[in-house]
N, C-alpha and C. Protein backbone atom coordinates (compact mmCIF):
# COMPACT_ATOMS: atom_id res chain seq x y z
N MET A 1 -54.00 -30.92 -120.69
CA MET A 1 -53.27 -30.18 -120.82
C MET A 1 -51.59 -30.98 -120.28
N TYR A 2 -52.08 -31.73 -119.17
CA TYR A 2 -50.93 -31.69 -118.57
C TYR A 2 -50.88 -33.40 -119.01
N LYS A 3 -49.75 -34.04 -119.39
CA LYS A 3 -49.76 -35.58 -119.63
C LYS A 3 -48.98 -36.30 -118.30
N GLY A 4 -48.00 -36.08 -117.73
CA GLY A 4 -47.42 -37.09 -116.37
C GLY A 4 -45.88 -36.52 -116.58
N LEU A 5 -45.30 -37.18 -116.06
CA LEU A 5 -43.82 -37.00 -115.81
C LEU A 5 -43.30 -37.64 -117.37
N GLU A 6 -42.63 -36.89 -118.03
CA GLU A 6 -41.62 -36.76 -119.11
C GLU A 6 -40.60 -38.28 -118.48
N HIS A 7 -39.65 -37.78 -117.49
CA HIS A 7 -38.15 -38.38 -117.32
C HIS A 7 -38.26 -37.49 -115.94
N THR A 8 -37.41 -38.53 -115.22
CA THR A 8 -36.99 -38.41 -114.48
C THR A 8 -34.94 -37.76 -114.19
N ALA A 9 -34.59 -36.59 -113.59
CA ALA A 9 -33.01 -36.31 -113.74
C ALA A 9 -32.41 -37.25 -112.86
N ILE A 10 -31.29 -37.61 -112.82
CA ILE A 10 -30.57 -37.95 -111.52
C ILE A 10 -29.01 -37.56 -112.04
N ALA A 11 -28.64 -36.75 -110.85
CA ALA A 11 -27.03 -36.33 -111.41
C ALA A 11 -26.01 -37.31 -110.06
N SER A 12 -25.04 -37.28 -111.56
CA SER A 12 -24.11 -38.38 -111.28
C SER A 12 -22.60 -38.02 -111.70
N PRO A 13 -21.92 -38.30 -110.21
CA PRO A 13 -20.39 -37.58 -110.49
C PRO A 13 -19.79 -38.43 -111.92
N ALA A 14 -20.43 -39.61 -112.41
CA ALA A 14 -20.02 -40.34 -113.76
C ALA A 14 -21.21 -40.70 -115.12
N PRO A 15 -21.88 -40.05 -115.31
CA PRO A 15 -23.40 -39.79 -115.73
C PRO A 15 -23.21 -41.34 -116.97
N ARG A 16 -22.03 -41.17 -117.44
CA ARG A 16 -22.23 -42.48 -118.63
C ARG A 16 -22.29 -43.94 -117.71
N ARG A 17 -21.18 -44.05 -116.87
CA ARG A 17 -20.92 -45.22 -115.90
C ARG A 17 -22.34 -45.67 -115.73
N LEU A 18 -23.31 -44.43 -114.62
CA LEU A 18 -24.57 -44.47 -114.16
C LEU A 18 -25.41 -45.10 -115.39
N ALA A 19 -25.58 -44.70 -116.64
CA ALA A 19 -26.62 -45.01 -117.48
C ALA A 19 -26.27 -46.49 -117.67
N GLN A 20 -25.15 -46.87 -118.04
CA GLN A 20 -24.83 -48.61 -118.25
C GLN A 20 -25.03 -49.34 -117.58
N TRP A 21 -25.25 -48.42 -116.26
CA TRP A 21 -25.32 -49.42 -115.04
C TRP A 21 -27.03 -49.91 -115.23
N TYR A 22 -27.71 -49.00 -115.11
CA TYR A 22 -28.96 -49.29 -115.71
C TYR A 22 -29.76 -50.26 -116.66
N VAL A 23 -28.84 -49.80 -117.88
CA VAL A 23 -28.39 -50.95 -118.85
C VAL A 23 -28.42 -52.04 -118.50
N ASN A 24 -27.03 -52.64 -118.24
CA ASN A 24 -27.19 -54.04 -117.70
C ASN A 24 -27.70 -54.03 -116.78
N HIS A 25 -28.18 -53.72 -115.32
CA HIS A 25 -28.62 -53.95 -114.44
C HIS A 25 -30.04 -54.35 -114.63
N LEU A 26 -30.76 -53.49 -115.17
CA LEU A 26 -32.58 -53.45 -115.41
C LEU A 26 -32.96 -53.45 -116.63
N GLY A 27 -32.45 -53.81 -117.88
CA GLY A 27 -32.61 -53.83 -118.90
C GLY A 27 -33.34 -52.35 -119.80
N PHE A 28 -32.66 -51.21 -119.27
CA PHE A 28 -32.95 -50.61 -120.13
C PHE A 28 -32.19 -49.97 -121.02
N HIS A 29 -32.31 -49.04 -122.00
CA HIS A 29 -31.50 -49.08 -123.08
C HIS A 29 -31.21 -47.17 -123.41
N ILE A 30 -30.12 -46.89 -123.52
CA ILE A 30 -29.98 -45.53 -123.76
C ILE A 30 -30.15 -44.86 -124.89
N ASN A 31 -31.10 -44.26 -125.15
CA ASN A 31 -32.01 -43.62 -126.21
C ASN A 31 -31.60 -42.28 -126.51
N PHE A 32 -30.96 -41.77 -125.98
CA PHE A 32 -30.08 -40.52 -126.33
C PHE A 32 -29.32 -39.78 -125.26
N GLU A 33 -28.37 -39.25 -125.94
CA GLU A 33 -27.40 -38.74 -125.36
C GLU A 33 -26.82 -37.32 -126.02
N TYR A 34 -26.45 -36.71 -125.18
CA TYR A 34 -25.77 -34.56 -125.20
C TYR A 34 -25.00 -34.41 -124.58
N ALA A 35 -24.45 -33.56 -124.64
CA ALA A 35 -22.97 -33.01 -124.27
C ALA A 35 -22.90 -33.72 -122.55
N GLY A 36 -22.60 -35.34 -122.52
CA GLY A 36 -22.36 -35.65 -121.56
C GLY A 36 -23.51 -36.19 -120.50
N ASN A 37 -24.82 -35.53 -121.11
CA ASN A 37 -25.78 -36.08 -120.89
C ASN A 37 -26.27 -37.28 -121.09
N TYR A 38 -27.49 -38.23 -120.36
CA TYR A 38 -27.88 -39.56 -120.90
C TYR A 38 -29.35 -39.94 -120.74
N PHE A 39 -30.01 -39.81 -121.78
CA PHE A 39 -31.43 -40.42 -121.40
C PHE A 39 -31.53 -42.14 -121.43
N VAL A 40 -32.04 -42.53 -120.69
CA VAL A 40 -32.24 -44.31 -120.57
C VAL A 40 -33.58 -44.49 -120.45
N LYS A 41 -33.83 -45.48 -121.21
CA LYS A 41 -35.74 -45.94 -121.36
C LYS A 41 -35.42 -47.28 -120.97
N ALA A 42 -36.47 -47.18 -120.16
CA ALA A 42 -37.00 -48.78 -119.34
C ALA A 42 -37.82 -49.21 -120.85
N PRO A 43 -38.16 -50.66 -120.48
CA PRO A 43 -38.94 -51.41 -121.23
C PRO A 43 -40.58 -51.33 -121.16
N ASN A 44 -41.05 -50.30 -120.36
CA ASN A 44 -42.24 -49.99 -119.71
C ASN A 44 -42.24 -48.60 -121.08
N GLY A 45 -41.12 -47.83 -121.04
CA GLY A 45 -41.25 -46.69 -121.87
C GLY A 45 -41.07 -45.24 -120.70
N SER A 46 -40.92 -45.61 -119.75
CA SER A 46 -39.96 -44.45 -118.67
C SER A 46 -38.75 -43.95 -118.46
N MET A 47 -38.51 -43.00 -118.33
CA MET A 47 -36.99 -42.54 -118.79
C MET A 47 -36.74 -41.72 -117.80
N LEU A 48 -34.97 -42.40 -117.50
CA LEU A 48 -33.92 -41.54 -116.30
C LEU A 48 -33.28 -40.27 -117.34
N GLU A 49 -33.09 -39.30 -117.21
CA GLU A 49 -32.20 -38.21 -117.65
C GLU A 49 -30.81 -38.41 -116.88
N ILE A 50 -29.50 -38.57 -117.50
CA ILE A 50 -28.85 -38.80 -115.92
C ILE A 50 -27.63 -37.68 -116.74
N ILE A 51 -27.77 -37.08 -115.90
CA ILE A 51 -26.69 -35.35 -116.02
C ILE A 51 -25.25 -35.42 -114.84
N PRO A 52 -24.46 -34.89 -115.67
CA PRO A 52 -22.80 -34.39 -114.58
C PRO A 52 -23.48 -33.95 -113.13
N SER A 53 -23.30 -33.75 -112.48
CA SER A 53 -23.38 -33.37 -110.96
C SER A 53 -22.14 -32.38 -110.75
N GLU A 54 -22.54 -31.97 -109.57
CA GLU A 54 -21.28 -31.14 -109.19
C GLU A 54 -21.74 -31.21 -107.43
N GLY A 55 -20.34 -30.91 -106.87
CA GLY A 55 -20.23 -30.90 -105.54
C GLY A 55 -20.45 -32.05 -105.08
N ASP A 56 -20.49 -31.74 -103.85
CA ASP A 56 -20.55 -33.36 -102.93
C ASP A 56 -21.49 -33.76 -102.84
N ARG A 57 -21.98 -35.11 -102.64
CA ARG A 57 -23.62 -36.07 -102.33
C ARG A 57 -23.60 -35.68 -101.30
N THR A 58 -24.86 -35.11 -100.86
CA THR A 58 -25.32 -35.62 -99.40
C THR A 58 -25.79 -36.68 -99.36
N PRO A 59 -26.15 -36.91 -97.54
CA PRO A 59 -25.78 -38.54 -97.42
C PRO A 59 -27.62 -39.24 -97.76
N GLN A 60 -27.90 -40.10 -98.10
CA GLN A 60 -28.76 -40.96 -98.69
C GLN A 60 -29.41 -41.55 -97.81
N ALA A 61 -30.59 -41.56 -97.18
CA ALA A 61 -31.32 -42.06 -96.36
C ALA A 61 -32.99 -42.19 -96.76
N MET A 62 -33.83 -43.69 -96.12
CA MET A 62 -34.67 -44.32 -96.35
C MET A 62 -35.51 -43.02 -96.10
N LYS A 63 -35.69 -42.32 -95.78
CA LYS A 63 -36.72 -41.13 -95.20
C LYS A 63 -36.11 -39.98 -95.14
N ALA A 64 -35.16 -39.28 -95.60
CA ALA A 64 -34.46 -37.96 -95.40
C ALA A 64 -35.72 -37.33 -96.67
N PRO A 65 -35.92 -35.24 -96.46
CA PRO A 65 -36.90 -34.98 -97.36
C PRO A 65 -36.12 -35.09 -98.44
N GLY A 66 -37.11 -35.04 -99.84
CA GLY A 66 -36.73 -34.84 -101.08
C GLY A 66 -37.53 -36.84 -101.98
N ILE A 67 -36.76 -36.84 -102.78
CA ILE A 67 -37.12 -37.60 -103.81
C ILE A 67 -36.62 -39.18 -102.74
N ARG A 68 -37.37 -40.05 -102.51
CA ARG A 68 -36.25 -41.30 -101.96
C ARG A 68 -35.74 -42.22 -103.03
N HIS A 69 -36.87 -43.21 -103.45
CA HIS A 69 -36.50 -43.82 -104.39
C HIS A 69 -37.45 -44.00 -105.41
N LEU A 70 -36.97 -44.55 -106.31
CA LEU A 70 -37.69 -45.10 -107.82
C LEU A 70 -37.60 -46.42 -107.58
N ALA A 71 -39.26 -46.76 -108.02
CA ALA A 71 -39.61 -48.05 -107.71
C ALA A 71 -39.77 -49.04 -109.44
N ILE A 72 -39.03 -49.78 -109.19
CA ILE A 72 -38.94 -50.58 -110.63
C ILE A 72 -39.93 -51.77 -110.68
N ALA A 73 -40.95 -51.36 -110.98
CA ALA A 73 -42.01 -52.72 -111.29
C ALA A 73 -41.44 -53.78 -112.44
N VAL A 74 -41.99 -55.29 -111.55
CA VAL A 74 -40.98 -56.42 -112.57
C VAL A 74 -42.86 -57.39 -112.22
N ASP A 75 -42.96 -58.68 -113.34
CA ASP A 75 -43.85 -59.10 -113.33
C ASP A 75 -43.53 -60.57 -112.58
N SER A 76 -42.47 -60.39 -112.28
CA SER A 76 -42.20 -61.80 -111.58
C SER A 76 -41.00 -61.44 -110.71
N PHE A 77 -41.37 -61.21 -108.93
CA PHE A 77 -39.99 -60.76 -108.35
C PHE A 77 -39.08 -61.93 -107.83
N ASP A 78 -39.15 -62.86 -107.41
CA ASP A 78 -38.55 -63.81 -107.32
C ASP A 78 -37.50 -63.84 -108.62
N SER A 79 -38.01 -64.24 -109.85
CA SER A 79 -36.39 -63.74 -111.11
C SER A 79 -36.08 -62.64 -110.93
N ALA A 80 -36.09 -61.69 -110.77
CA ALA A 80 -35.99 -60.17 -110.97
C ALA A 80 -34.98 -60.07 -110.08
N HIS A 81 -35.19 -60.31 -108.56
CA HIS A 81 -34.82 -60.43 -107.66
C HIS A 81 -33.37 -61.24 -107.71
N GLN A 82 -33.75 -62.47 -108.03
CA GLN A 82 -32.56 -63.41 -108.14
C GLN A 82 -31.42 -63.00 -109.47
N ASP A 83 -32.04 -62.34 -110.33
CA ASP A 83 -31.27 -61.60 -111.48
C ASP A 83 -30.30 -60.72 -110.92
N LEU A 84 -30.62 -60.05 -109.86
CA LEU A 84 -30.16 -58.87 -109.34
C LEU A 84 -28.93 -59.12 -108.24
N LYS A 85 -29.23 -60.17 -107.75
CA LYS A 85 -27.87 -61.10 -106.90
C LYS A 85 -27.36 -61.40 -107.24
N ALA A 86 -27.93 -62.38 -108.53
CA ALA A 86 -26.73 -62.82 -109.51
C ALA A 86 -25.40 -61.72 -109.72
N LYS A 87 -26.14 -60.18 -110.12
CA LYS A 87 -25.15 -59.06 -110.77
C LYS A 87 -24.12 -58.28 -109.61
N SER A 88 -24.54 -58.71 -108.35
CA SER A 88 -24.17 -58.56 -107.23
C SER A 88 -24.31 -57.01 -106.47
N VAL A 89 -25.70 -56.50 -106.79
CA VAL A 89 -26.76 -55.30 -106.55
C VAL A 89 -26.50 -55.63 -105.37
N ASN A 90 -26.23 -53.91 -104.85
CA ASN A 90 -25.97 -53.77 -103.13
C ASN A 90 -27.57 -53.60 -102.77
N PHE A 91 -27.82 -54.88 -101.94
CA PHE A 91 -29.26 -54.57 -101.30
C PHE A 91 -29.17 -54.09 -99.93
N LEU A 92 -30.37 -52.97 -99.67
CA LEU A 92 -30.76 -52.10 -98.45
C LEU A 92 -30.94 -52.82 -97.54
N THR A 93 -32.05 -53.78 -97.62
CA THR A 93 -33.13 -54.28 -97.18
C THR A 93 -33.14 -55.97 -97.58
N GLU A 94 -33.92 -56.51 -96.53
CA GLU A 94 -34.06 -58.08 -97.17
C GLU A 94 -35.54 -58.25 -98.07
N ALA A 95 -35.73 -58.82 -98.89
CA ALA A 95 -37.24 -59.04 -99.28
C ALA A 95 -38.11 -59.20 -98.46
N PHE A 96 -39.40 -58.31 -98.62
CA PHE A 96 -40.34 -58.77 -97.49
C PHE A 96 -41.76 -58.58 -98.98
N ALA A 97 -42.85 -59.07 -98.56
CA ALA A 97 -43.98 -58.88 -98.83
C ALA A 97 -45.03 -57.74 -97.83
N THR A 98 -45.96 -57.28 -98.26
CA THR A 98 -46.68 -56.17 -97.66
C THR A 98 -48.02 -56.36 -98.58
N GLN A 99 -49.23 -56.18 -97.92
CA GLN A 99 -50.47 -56.33 -98.71
C GLN A 99 -50.45 -56.76 -100.50
N GLY A 100 -49.85 -58.09 -100.03
CA GLY A 100 -49.68 -59.24 -101.30
C GLY A 100 -48.64 -58.33 -102.17
N ASN A 101 -47.76 -57.40 -101.93
CA ASN A 101 -46.88 -56.80 -103.29
C ASN A 101 -45.72 -57.58 -102.49
N HIS A 102 -44.84 -57.95 -103.39
CA HIS A 102 -43.51 -57.97 -102.77
C HIS A 102 -42.57 -57.07 -102.99
N LEU A 103 -41.00 -56.78 -102.08
CA LEU A 103 -40.41 -55.93 -102.81
C LEU A 103 -39.01 -55.77 -102.12
N VAL A 104 -37.80 -54.79 -102.31
CA VAL A 104 -36.63 -55.32 -101.59
C VAL A 104 -36.25 -53.60 -102.09
N PHE A 105 -35.58 -53.00 -101.30
CA PHE A 105 -34.82 -52.00 -101.64
C PHE A 105 -33.53 -52.22 -102.02
N PHE A 106 -32.69 -51.56 -102.71
CA PHE A 106 -31.27 -51.64 -103.48
C PHE A 106 -31.05 -50.24 -103.94
N SER A 107 -29.86 -50.05 -104.19
CA SER A 107 -28.78 -49.13 -104.37
C SER A 107 -28.20 -49.36 -105.99
N ASP A 108 -28.28 -47.96 -107.00
CA ASP A 108 -27.76 -48.31 -108.04
C ASP A 108 -26.25 -47.96 -107.99
N ALA A 109 -25.14 -48.06 -108.97
CA ALA A 109 -23.77 -47.65 -108.58
C ALA A 109 -23.23 -46.37 -107.92
N ASP A 110 -24.37 -45.51 -108.16
CA ASP A 110 -24.19 -44.11 -107.35
C ASP A 110 -24.53 -43.74 -105.51
N GLY A 111 -25.29 -45.33 -105.42
CA GLY A 111 -26.23 -45.32 -104.11
C GLY A 111 -27.79 -44.52 -103.71
N ASN A 112 -27.58 -44.22 -105.24
CA ASN A 112 -29.31 -44.20 -105.26
C ASN A 112 -30.13 -45.05 -104.70
N ILE A 113 -31.30 -44.75 -104.12
CA ILE A 113 -32.14 -46.03 -103.88
C ILE A 113 -33.28 -46.04 -104.79
N LEU A 114 -33.55 -47.32 -104.85
CA LEU A 114 -34.37 -48.06 -105.98
C LEU A 114 -34.84 -49.16 -105.18
N HIS A 115 -36.54 -49.24 -105.67
CA HIS A 115 -37.15 -50.89 -105.21
C HIS A 115 -37.77 -51.31 -106.39
N LEU A 116 -37.26 -53.10 -106.14
CA LEU A 116 -37.79 -53.58 -107.16
C LEU A 116 -39.76 -54.21 -106.32
N ILE A 117 -40.44 -54.37 -106.76
CA ILE A 117 -41.62 -54.39 -106.75
C ILE A 117 -42.61 -55.22 -107.51
N GLU A 118 -43.22 -55.70 -107.29
CA GLU A 118 -44.62 -56.66 -108.08
C GLU A 118 -45.76 -56.68 -107.23
N ARG A 119 -46.37 -55.97 -107.71
CA ARG A 119 -47.45 -55.55 -106.96
C ARG A 119 -49.41 -56.78 -107.38
N GLU A 120 -49.77 -57.28 -106.09
CA GLU A 120 -50.47 -58.01 -106.40
C GLU A 120 -51.58 -57.84 -107.16
N LYS A 121 -52.40 -56.20 -107.03
CA LYS A 121 -53.37 -55.42 -107.52
C LYS A 121 -52.95 -54.21 -108.68
N PRO A 122 -52.60 -53.96 -109.14
CA PRO A 122 -52.16 -52.79 -109.49
C PRO A 122 -52.96 -51.34 -108.86
N LEU A 123 -52.26 -50.08 -108.71
CA LEU A 123 -52.60 -49.05 -108.22
C LEU A 123 -53.76 -48.63 -108.94
N PRO A 124 -54.82 -47.97 -108.07
CA PRO A 124 -56.03 -47.05 -108.71
C PRO A 124 -55.73 -46.16 -109.72
C-alpha cells in the first residue's frame, strides 16, 4: 500500500533560484513546474518540491528539532567534494570519515543543510 517518499518540499523565498541552484550544483533537473512551484529531480529519481515561502526563516542548526539535512549520495566523494569546492559551496564542516563513510556538511543557496556522503557499504 505505502511505497515510500515521493518528494520532500522546501519552502523558499525564491523558488526558481533555489531550483536552479540544485540544477547547477548537484546535477538535478527541473522536471515539473506550476504556479511558482518547482520539482527538481536527482539522477537517482529522488525529488524535491520547492515552494514559495511565507514569513521569516527560523535559524538553522545541525540538531534543532525537525528535518535537519538532506543527504546527497555520491559514488566518488573526493571528486564530488572538489566539484562543490570549485562551485564555491558554503561548507559547514570539514570533510571527515566515520565507520568507513566519507561525508561533509554544506548548505544550499537558502541555507538549508545538506551533506555529501559516500558509504563504504549501503545501509541494510
